[in-house]
């Protein structure tokens, strides 16, 4: 397998199998790239102060309102709970 040609801080991918494979490949290559899904990225943006609590909750609820976006309801509820616990 060839080496990863470029550096990236993040890889955004929601499919669990794809995320696990990417983490394995990055680890084997010694890459520092962090792999996250959409929900994890939104929670991380909130924790780092990039998004406010109101903005983050709005985006999470927006994802939950779209049946064509295939994110498991329990994961969306986890993300909403994680953001709701903190005061903005």
Protein backbone atom coordinates (compact mmCIF):
# COMPACT_ATOMS: atom_id res chain seq x y z
CA UNK A 1 0.00 0.00 0.00
CA UNK A 2 1.35 3.42 -0.87
CA UNK A 3 2.01 6.15 1.63
CA UNK A 4 -0.50 8.89 2.30
CA UNK A 5 0.73 11.78 0.09
CA UNK A 6 -0.70 14.75 1.98
CA UNK A 7 -1.32 15.81 5.54
CA UNK A 8 -4.84 16.35 6.83
CA UNK A 9 -5.91 17.12 10.38
CA UNK A 10 -9.34 15.55 9.97
CA UNK A 11 -11.14 13.04 7.80
CA UNK A 12 -14.92 13.37 7.87
CA UNK A 13 -16.72 10.09 7.19
CA UNK A 14 -19.96 8.79 8.71
CA UNK A 15 -19.82 5.16 7.65
CA UNK A 16 -18.49 3.18 10.64
CA UNK A 17 -16.69 0.54 8.58
CA UNK A 18 -15.03 3.20 6.44
CA UNK A 19 -14.04 5.15 9.55
CA UNK A 20 -12.52 2.07 11.17
CA UNK A 21 -10.57 1.23 8.01
CA UNK A 22 -9.31 4.82 7.70
CA UNK A 23 -8.16 4.80 11.33
CA UNK A 24 -6.33 1.52 10.74
CA UNK A 25 -4.61 2.80 7.59
CA UNK A 26 -3.65 6.11 9.19
CA UNK A 27 -2.30 4.31 12.23
CA UNK A 28 -0.24 1.94 10.05
CA UNK A 29 1.15 4.94 8.15
CA UNK A 30 1.88 6.93 11.31
CA UNK A 31 -0.49 9.70 10.23
CA UNK A 32 -1.90 12.01 12.90
CA UNK A 33 -5.18 12.52 11.03
CA UNK A 34 -8.22 12.25 13.28
CA UNK A 35 -11.27 10.52 11.88
CA UNK A 36 -14.69 11.85 12.84
CA UNK A 37 -18.27 11.60 11.71
CA UNK A 38 -20.59 14.54 11.24
CA UNK A 39 -21.93 14.36 14.80
CA UNK A 40 -18.49 14.11 16.35
CA UNK A 41 -17.31 17.06 14.30
CA UNK A 42 -20.23 19.21 15.45
CA UNK A 43 -19.66 18.27 19.11
CA UNK A 44 -15.93 18.99 18.75
CA UNK A 45 -16.67 22.37 17.12
CA UNK A 46 -18.89 23.21 20.10
CA UNK A 47 -16.27 22.10 22.63
CA UNK A 48 -13.63 24.25 20.92
CA UNK A 49 -15.93 27.29 20.85
CA UNK A 50 -16.29 27.39 17.07
CA UNK A 51 -20.06 26.95 17.39
CA UNK A 52 -22.28 28.16 20.21
CA UNK A 53 -24.54 25.77 22.06
CA UNK A 54 -27.59 27.19 20.26
CA UNK A 55 -25.92 26.85 16.84
CA UNK A 56 -24.76 23.31 17.54
CA UNK A 57 -28.12 22.12 18.87
CA UNK A 58 -29.86 23.70 15.88
CA UNK A 59 -27.59 21.86 13.45
CA UNK A 60 -27.96 18.57 15.30
CA UNK A 61 -31.74 18.87 15.36
CA UNK A 62 -31.70 19.80 11.68
CA UNK A 63 -29.89 16.54 10.90
CA UNK A 64 -32.47 14.63 12.94
CA UNK A 65 -35.27 16.25 10.94
CA UNK A 66 -34.01 14.90 7.60
CA UNK A 67 -34.93 11.25 7.04
CA UNK A 68 -32.70 11.09 3.95
CA UNK A 69 -29.65 11.57 6.21
CA UNK A 70 -28.87 8.17 7.66
CA UNK A 71 -27.58 8.83 11.14
CA UNK A 72 -28.80 6.55 13.89
CA UNK A 73 -31.26 8.34 16.16
CA UNK A 74 -29.44 7.21 19.30
CA UNK A 75 -26.22 8.83 18.05
CA UNK A 76 -28.00 12.10 17.36
CA UNK A 77 -29.55 11.93 20.84
CA UNK A 78 -26.05 11.30 22.31
CA UNK A 79 -24.69 14.38 20.55
CA UNK A 80 -27.63 16.56 21.64
CA UNK A 81 -27.20 15.33 25.22
CA UNK A 82 -23.43 15.96 25.15
CA UNK A 83 -23.93 19.55 24.00
CA UNK A 84 -26.95 20.21 26.24
CA UNK A 85 -25.04 19.25 29.41
CA UNK A 86 -22.64 22.17 29.04
CA UNK A 87 -23.49 25.80 29.68
CA UNK A 88 -22.59 28.14 26.81
